[in-house]
């Protein structure tokens, strides 16, 4: 679902050294998401359920955030751009990541009509943005040079980590280039410095290629992550097709993660989803995903760590298993800025696939209602 910001813009003009006038703007924007009530089964070691506000305080779909973005037109089809964005929790008013003020974006860059968009700083991985068109039914159906996102706090979010870097689903010390060509081809590349004396340690690089073609869009990426001395590689391809009021999405992920003396972990994951958008205020989403692991070590808590995290326990041995999740939702749009929603998911674990939030249970049900608004 495309996010639309109602922005407060401040525009000014400045006379440049070249004698040309430059147009500048700064925008303040934000989004608030509150999920209440939320139900989660198997929420403790005794098998009890919990009813609360969000999942661990987190909203279901979108991290609540506020931010500033700006641009200065310096002529010749070129703009200097920046973004600062911070996430917070509506349920308790706290910062999402204590001690990190701008935990979603902190970057500056240049955008040119011919050469594309170059940005430097803390920002989405380009693999995350490329896969957002098929990762779930909630993002933009078209490839763009803007940052995209997947859903927030639920049992089907974890597939996003196949598109992550050494520092999570955003680059630290990152460089990114994106270009959408007139013929519909999309290309991008990213690199994140490890800031280590050993070149390449905790660094990563990614490339992505895609195409917007009428009723469909398709993309794929390759990711190479060096994390704690181990190499992690991900490959993915997928896309979507729109049939009138119905959009279908599908994608495949392959992950290879070195685990030191334990050898290589191998994941195969895939996702399919639908979005139905009839005329009127309602739309509906349905999706299924499966994540299979082979030769995967557990982390220190005895669970399968997310891809690219590097938090495996070298004494845990190797495990095979798979996780499947079915999810669904319905939105009622009160206006262009505000909607209410009903959503849920059901997860099952098989073989040696374990998830800490189930406390040893092999299944979990999550249900919620909520409201989301933008300014």
Protein backbone atom coordinates (compact mmCIF):
# COMPACT_ATOMS: atom_id res chain seq x y z
CA UNK A 1 0.00 0.00 0.00
CA UNK A 2 1.49 3.25 -1.09
CA UNK A 3 2.17 5.60 1.80
CA UNK A 4 1.04 9.16 1.23
CA UNK A 5 2.37 11.85 3.48
CA UNK A 6 0.53 15.04 4.23
CA UNK A 7 3.62 17.22 4.51
CA UNK A 8 4.35 20.61 5.94
CA UNK A 9 6.57 22.27 3.35
CA UNK A 10 8.74 25.31 3.73
CA UNK A 11 9.99 26.68 0.42
CA UNK A 12 12.69 29.27 -0.12
CA UNK A 13 14.82 30.60 -2.97
CA UNK A 14 18.47 31.42 -2.85
CA UNK A 15 20.67 33.15 -5.40
CA UNK A 16 23.55 30.80 -6.28
CA UNK A 17 27.08 31.64 -7.28
CA UNK A 18 26.29 30.70 -10.87
CA UNK A 19 23.65 33.40 -11.03
CA UNK A 20 20.73 30.92 -11.14
CA UNK A 21 17.96 30.69 -8.59
CA UNK A 22 17.72 27.44 -6.58
CA UNK A 23 14.43 26.14 -5.22
CA UNK A 24 14.64 24.50 -1.76
CA UNK A 25 12.09 22.68 0.37
CA UNK A 26 11.96 20.93 3.73
CA UNK A 27 9.03 18.68 4.65
CA UNK A 28 7.87 17.41 8.02
CA UNK A 29 5.85 14.18 7.85
CA UNK A 30 4.84 11.21 9.94
CA UNK A 31 2.79 8.07 10.42
CA UNK A 32 1.15 6.55 13.52
CA UNK A 33 0.03 2.92 13.82
CA UNK A 34 -1.68 1.51 16.93
CA UNK A 35 -2.79 -2.13 17.15
CA UNK A 36 -5.33 -2.77 19.91
CA UNK A 37 -6.36 -5.24 21.07
CA UNK A 38 -3.84 -7.86 19.93
CA UNK A 39 -4.08 -11.57 20.77
CA UNK A 40 -1.11 -13.97 20.72
CA UNK A 41 -1.25 -17.66 21.67
CA UNK A 42 1.59 -19.61 23.33
CA UNK A 43 3.00 -16.38 24.72
CA UNK A 44 4.87 -17.97 27.66
CA UNK A 45 6.45 -21.25 28.72
CA UNK A 46 3.13 -22.43 30.24
CA UNK A 47 1.27 -22.06 26.95
CA UNK A 48 -0.79 -19.07 28.05
CA UNK A 49 -2.03 -16.41 25.64
CA UNK A 50 -1.65 -12.64 25.95
CA UNK A 51 -3.99 -9.80 25.01
CA UNK A 52 -2.43 -6.38 24.81
CA UNK A 53 -1.59 -3.33 22.76
CA UNK A 54 0.51 -4.52 19.83
CA UNK A 55 2.93 -7.45 19.86
CA UNK A 56 5.35 -6.56 22.62
CA UNK A 57 4.10 -3.00 22.22
CA UNK A 58 4.87 -3.01 18.49
CA UNK A 59 2.12 -2.15 15.99
CA UNK A 60 1.19 -4.77 13.41
CA UNK A 61 1.85 -3.07 10.09
CA UNK A 62 3.97 0.08 10.26
CA UNK A 63 6.48 1.38 12.70
CA UNK A 64 5.20 4.76 13.89
CA UNK A 65 7.61 7.46 12.75
CA UNK A 66 8.22 11.13 12.12
CA UNK A 67 10.78 12.62 9.81
CA UNK A 68 12.12 15.45 7.75
CA UNK A 69 13.13 15.34 4.12
CA UNK A 70 14.46 18.07 1.93
CA UNK A 71 15.67 18.94 -1.53
CA UNK A 72 17.54 21.79 -3.15
CA UNK A 73 17.41 22.23 -6.91
CA UNK A 74 20.88 23.29 -8.03
CA UNK A 75 20.08 23.32 -11.73
CA UNK A 76 20.89 21.10 -14.73
CA UNK A 77 18.31 18.55 -13.57
CA UNK A 78 20.15 17.98 -10.28
CA UNK A 79 18.92 18.12 -6.68
CA UNK A 80 20.68 17.77 -3.34
CA UNK A 81 18.45 15.63 -1.11
CA UNK A 82 18.38 14.40 2.51
CA UNK A 83 16.19 12.47 4.95
CA UNK A 84 16.11 12.10 8.74
CA UNK A 85 13.54 9.67 10.14
CA UNK A 86 12.91 8.44 13.67
CA UNK A 87 10.65 5.62 14.91
CA UNK A 88 8.68 5.63 18.15
CA UNK A 89 6.13 3.42 19.95
CA UNK A 90 2.64 4.90 20.32
CA UNK A 91 1.73 2.43 23.09
CA UNK A 92 4.30 3.86 25.53
CA UNK A 93 5.77 6.96 23.87
CA UNK A 94 9.30 5.57 23.90
CA UNK A 95 11.89 5.58 21.12
CA UNK A 96 11.86 2.38 19.08
CA UNK A 97 15.65 2.04 19.49
CA UNK A 98 16.82 3.83 22.66
CA UNK A 99 19.94 5.85 22.11
CA UNK A 100 19.47 6.04 18.33
CA UNK A 101 17.48 9.14 17.45
CA UNK A 102 17.23 8.59 13.69
CA UNK A 103 16.82 4.80 13.62
CA UNK A 104 15.09 4.62 10.23
CA UNK A 105 16.99 7.08 8.03
CA UNK A 106 19.89 9.48 8.23
CA UNK A 107 21.29 10.12 4.76
CA UNK A 108 22.22 12.80 2.25
CA UNK A 109 22.55 12.47 -1.50
CA UNK A 110 22.23 13.84 -5.00
CA UNK A 111 19.55 13.05 -7.58
CA UNK A 112 20.02 13.67 -11.28
CA UNK A 113 17.56 13.06 -14.12
CA UNK A 114 20.24 11.36 -16.21
CA UNK A 115 22.50 9.57 -13.74
CA UNK A 116 20.00 8.53 -11.07
CA UNK A 117 19.93 8.83 -7.29
CA UNK A 118 23.04 8.53 -5.08
CA UNK A 119 22.67 8.49 -1.28
CA UNK A 120 25.12 8.02 1.61
CA UNK A 121 24.45 7.24 5.27
CA UNK A 122 21.96 5.12 7.22
CA UNK A 123 19.28 3.82 4.83
CA UNK A 124 17.37 0.80 3.52
CA UNK A 125 19.33 -1.92 1.80
CA UNK A 126 18.69 -1.89 -1.94
CA UNK A 127 17.80 -5.61 -1.77
CA UNK A 128 15.03 -4.81 0.71
CA UNK A 129 13.59 -2.18 -1.61
CA UNK A 130 13.85 -4.39 -4.71
CA UNK A 131 12.06 -7.30 -3.00
CA UNK A 132 9.30 -5.16 -1.49
CA UNK A 133 7.19 -5.44 -4.68
CA UNK A 134 6.66 -9.17 -4.02
CA UNK A 135 7.62 -9.69 -0.36
CA UNK A 136 4.05 -9.08 0.83
CA UNK A 137 0.90 -7.39 -0.58
CA UNK A 138 1.22 -4.19 1.45
CA UNK A 139 3.95 -2.33 -0.43
CA UNK A 140 4.14 -0.51 -3.73
CA UNK A 141 3.48 -2.69 -6.78
CA UNK A 142 5.94 -0.68 -8.88
CA UNK A 143 9.70 -0.33 -8.59
CA UNK A 144 10.76 3.23 -7.71
CA UNK A 145 13.86 4.99 -6.41
CA UNK A 146 12.08 5.71 -3.11
CA UNK A 147 12.54 3.51 -0.05
CA UNK A 148 9.97 0.78 0.50
CA UNK A 149 8.99 -1.27 3.51
CA UNK A 150 7.53 -4.54 4.65
CA UNK A 151 5.09 -5.10 7.50
CA UNK A 152 6.28 -4.51 11.02
CA UNK A 153 5.78 -6.93 13.93
CA UNK A 154 4.26 -10.30 13.07
CA UNK A 155 5.24 -13.88 12.27
CA UNK A 156 5.73 -13.37 8.53
CA UNK A 157 8.06 -10.35 8.72
CA UNK A 158 11.24 -12.41 9.14
CA UNK A 159 11.58 -13.20 5.43
CA UNK A 160 12.86 -9.63 5.04
CA UNK A 161 16.17 -10.64 6.65
CA UNK A 162 17.18 -12.48 3.46
CA UNK A 163 17.48 -8.96 2.01
CA UNK A 164 19.41 -7.60 4.99
CA UNK A 165 22.96 -6.32 5.49
CA UNK A 166 25.55 -6.93 8.21
CA UNK A 167 23.67 -4.35 10.32
CA UNK A 168 20.09 -5.45 9.74
CA UNK A 169 17.62 -4.45 7.03
CA UNK A 170 19.29 -1.03 6.77
CA UNK A 171 22.86 -0.17 5.87
CA UNK A 172 25.10 1.54 8.36
CA UNK A 173 27.88 3.49 6.61
CA UNK A 174 26.03 2.76 3.38
CA UNK A 175 26.17 3.96 -0.21
CA UNK A 176 23.29 3.37 -2.62
CA UNK A 177 22.60 4.12 -6.28
CA UNK A 178 19.18 3.70 -7.92
CA UNK A 179 17.97 4.48 -11.41
CA UNK A 180 14.56 3.99 -13.07
CA UNK A 181 15.00 4.24 -16.83
CA UNK A 182 12.37 5.54 -19.25
CA UNK A 183 11.89 2.06 -20.74
CA UNK A 184 10.83 0.64 -17.34
CA UNK A 185 14.15 -0.97 -16.39
CA UNK A 186 15.20 -0.48 -12.77
CA UNK A 187 18.80 -0.89 -11.61
CA UNK A 188 20.45 -0.34 -8.23
CA UNK A 189 23.62 -1.12 -6.32
CA UNK A 190 24.67 -0.69 -2.70
CA UNK A 191 27.79 -0.99 -0.58
CA UNK A 192 28.29 -0.62 3.17
CA UNK A 193 31.69 0.00 4.72
CA UNK A 194 32.64 -2.19 7.67
CA UNK A 195 34.81 0.63 9.13
CA UNK A 196 37.32 -2.04 10.15
CA UNK A 197 41.09 -2.20 9.61
CA UNK A 198 40.54 -5.51 7.80
CA UNK A 199 38.96 -4.54 4.47
CA UNK A 200 35.60 -6.19 3.98
CA UNK A 201 34.98 -7.23 7.59
CA UNK A 202 31.31 -6.51 8.43
CA UNK A 203 30.93 -4.93 4.98
CA UNK A 204 28.46 -5.92 2.30
CA UNK A 205 27.51 -5.26 -1.29
CA UNK A 206 24.29 -5.82 -3.20
CA UNK A 207 22.98 -5.39 -6.74
CA UNK A 208 19.39 -5.43 -7.97
CA UNK A 209 17.68 -5.35 -11.36
CA UNK A 210 14.01 -5.08 -12.24
CA UNK A 211 11.39 -4.04 -14.75
CA UNK A 212 8.05 -2.25 -14.65
CA UNK A 213 6.02 -3.56 -17.57
CA UNK A 214 2.42 -2.46 -17.76
CA UNK A 215 0.32 -4.68 -15.47
CA UNK A 216 3.35 -6.44 -13.97
CA UNK A 217 6.64 -5.70 -12.24
CA UNK A 218 9.55 -8.07 -11.63
CA UNK A 219 12.89 -7.80 -9.83
CA UNK A 220 15.76 -9.78 -8.38
CA UNK A 221 18.83 -9.16 -6.24
CA UNK A 222 22.14 -10.63 -5.18
CA UNK A 223 23.55 -9.88 -1.70
CA UNK A 224 27.01 -10.60 -0.26
CA UNK A 225 27.40 -9.94 3.47
CA UNK A 226 30.54 -10.36 5.59
CA UNK A 227 29.43 -10.79 9.18
CA UNK A 228 31.79 -11.64 12.06
CA UNK A 229 34.25 -13.29 9.68
CA UNK A 230 31.63 -15.39 7.88
CA UNK A 231 30.23 -14.95 4.38
CA UNK A 232 26.47 -14.79 3.78
CA UNK A 233 24.95 -14.79 0.31
CA UNK A 234 21.34 -14.32 -0.79
CA UNK A 235 19.65 -14.56 -4.17
CA UNK A 236 16.05 -13.66 -4.87
CA UNK A 237 13.66 -13.20 -7.77
CA UNK A 238 9.96 -12.36 -7.85
CA UNK A 239 7.28 -10.02 -9.05
CA UNK A 240 3.60 -9.19 -9.21
CA UNK A 241 0.78 -9.02 -11.75
CA UNK A 242 -2.42 -6.99 -11.55
CA UNK A 243 -5.65 -8.42 -12.95
CA UNK A 244 -8.15 -5.59 -12.66
CA UNK A 245 -8.92 -5.29 -8.93
CA UNK A 246 -6.70 -8.28 -8.01
CA UNK A 247 -2.91 -8.16 -7.54
CA UNK A 248 -0.91 -11.40 -7.24
CA UNK A 249 2.63 -11.49 -5.81
CA UNK A 250 5.21 -14.28 -5.70
CA UNK A 251 8.92 -14.56 -4.88
CA UNK A 252 11.73 -17.02 -4.14
CA UNK A 253 14.77 -16.60 -1.84
CA UNK A 254 17.94 -18.70 -1.63
CA UNK A 255 20.35 -18.14 1.27
CA UNK A 256 23.82 -19.58 1.93
CA UNK A 257 25.37 -18.74 5.29
CA UNK A 258 28.80 -19.90 6.40
CA UNK A 259 28.92 -21.05 10.04
CA UNK A 260 32.65 -21.53 10.63
CA UNK A 261 33.59 -25.12 11.47
CA UNK A 262 29.90 -26.14 11.30
CA UNK A 263 29.82 -25.58 7.56
CA UNK A 264 27.22 -23.89 5.41
CA UNK A 265 23.58 -23.22 6.24
CA UNK A 266 21.26 -23.43 3.24
CA UNK A 267 17.78 -21.87 3.14
CA UNK A 268 15.07 -22.05 0.50
CA UNK A 269 12.10 -19.73 1.01
CA UNK A 270 9.13 -18.63 -1.06
CA UNK A 271 6.09 -16.44 -0.74
CA UNK A 272 2.75 -15.94 -2.51
CA UNK A 273 0.10 -13.34 -1.72
CA UNK A 274 -2.98 -11.60 -3.09
CA UNK A 275 -4.46 -8.15 -2.70
CA UNK A 276 -8.09 -7.48 -3.67
CA UNK A 277 -9.05 -3.80 -4.11
CA UNK A 278 -12.70 -3.45 -5.18
CA UNK A 279 -14.34 -0.06 -5.54
CA UNK A 280 -15.20 1.45 -2.20
CA UNK A 281 -13.41 1.85 1.14
CA UNK A 282 -12.43 -1.81 1.70
CA UNK A 283 -9.49 -3.88 0.47
CA UNK A 284 -8.32 -7.37 1.44
CA UNK A 285 -5.00 -9.26 1.63
CA UNK A 286 -4.12 -12.96 1.87
CA UNK A 287 -0.67 -14.52 1.88
CA UNK A 288 1.37 -17.65 2.56
CA UNK A 289 5.10 -18.13 3.00
CA UNK A 290 7.47 -20.97 3.73
CA UNK A 291 11.05 -20.83 5.04
CA UNK A 292 13.14 -24.03 4.94
CA UNK A 293 16.56 -24.43 6.59
CA UNK A 294 19.20 -27.11 6.06
CA UNK A 295 22.29 -27.52 8.25
CA UNK A 296 21.34 -24.52 10.41
CA UNK A 297 22.91 -23.90 13.81
CA UNK A 298 20.82 -22.58 16.67
CA UNK A 299 21.60 -19.33 18.47
CA UNK A 300 22.45 -19.19 22.18
CA UNK A 301 18.73 -19.46 23.06
CA UNK A 302 18.24 -22.64 21.04
CA UNK A 303 16.39 -21.03 18.12
CA UNK A 304 17.03 -20.60 14.41
CA UNK A 305 18.60 -17.14 13.97
CA UNK A 306 17.39 -14.90 11.15
CA UNK A 307 19.48 -14.86 7.98
CA UNK A 308 22.56 -12.60 7.96
CA UNK A 309 22.42 -12.08 11.74
CA UNK A 310 25.50 -14.20 12.46
CA UNK A 311 24.35 -15.03 16.00
CA UNK A 312 24.73 -18.83 15.79
CA UNK A 313 26.13 -20.97 18.61
CA UNK A 314 29.10 -23.04 17.30
CA UNK A 315 28.33 -25.77 19.85
CA UNK A 316 24.64 -26.19 18.95
CA UNK A 317 25.00 -28.72 16.12
CA UNK A 318 23.09 -28.62 12.82
CA UNK A 319 19.33 -28.77 12.30
CA UNK A 320 16.83 -29.11 9.46
CA UNK A 321 13.26 -27.86 9.48
CA UNK A 322 10.76 -25.43 8.09
CA UNK A 323 8.33 -22.71 9.08
CA UNK A 324 5.09 -21.88 7.30
CA UNK A 325 2.84 -18.90 7.90
CA UNK A 326 -0.62 -18.03 6.60
CA UNK A 327 -1.74 -14.40 7.04
CA UNK A 328 -4.75 -12.27 6.18
CA UNK A 329 -6.11 -8.74 6.66
CA UNK A 330 -8.84 -6.27 5.73
CA UNK A 331 -8.58 -2.47 5.62
CA UNK A 332 -11.40 0.06 5.82
CA UNK A 333 -10.21 3.45 4.56
CA UNK A 334 -11.86 6.30 6.41
CA UNK A 335 -10.00 8.86 4.28
CA UNK A 336 -6.84 9.15 2.18
CA UNK A 337 -4.82 9.48 5.40
CA UNK A 338 -6.54 7.16 7.87
CA UNK A 339 -7.71 3.54 7.93
CA UNK A 340 -8.73 0.87 10.41
CA UNK A 341 -7.79 -2.77 9.97
CA UNK A 342 -8.40 -6.35 11.06
CA UNK A 343 -5.51 -8.82 10.64
CA UNK A 344 -4.10 -12.15 11.73
CA UNK A 345 -1.59 -14.89 11.04
CA UNK A 346 -1.10 -18.56 11.87
CA UNK A 347 2.40 -20.06 12.03
CA UNK A 348 3.44 -23.73 12.20
CA UNK A 349 6.95 -25.06 12.88
CA UNK A 350 8.26 -28.37 11.57
CA UNK A 351 11.33 -30.48 12.35
CA UNK A 352 14.18 -28.57 13.95
CA UNK A 353 12.85 -25.10 13.17
CA UNK A 354 12.30 -23.27 16.46
CA UNK A 355 11.18 -19.70 17.17
CA UNK A 356 11.71 -18.14 20.60
CA UNK A 357 8.34 -16.37 20.76
CA UNK A 358 6.45 -19.71 20.81
CA UNK A 359 8.28 -20.97 23.95
CA UNK A 360 8.60 -24.49 22.56
CA UNK A 361 5.15 -24.74 20.96
CA UNK A 362 4.97 -25.73 17.30
CA UNK A 363 2.25 -23.26 16.35
CA UNK A 364 1.10 -19.73 17.14
CA UNK A 365 -1.96 -17.64 16.31
CA UNK A 366 -1.90 -13.82 16.24
CA UNK A 367 -4.96 -11.57 15.79
CA UNK A 368 -5.33 -7.81 15.92
CA UNK A 369 -7.36 -4.74 15.09
CA UNK A 370 -5.85 -1.31 14.70
CA UNK A 371 -5.80 2.18 13.25
CA UNK A 372 -3.18 3.89 11.08
CA UNK A 373 -3.01 7.57 10.18
CA UNK A 374 -0.53 9.89 8.44
CA UNK A 375 0.34 13.56 8.63
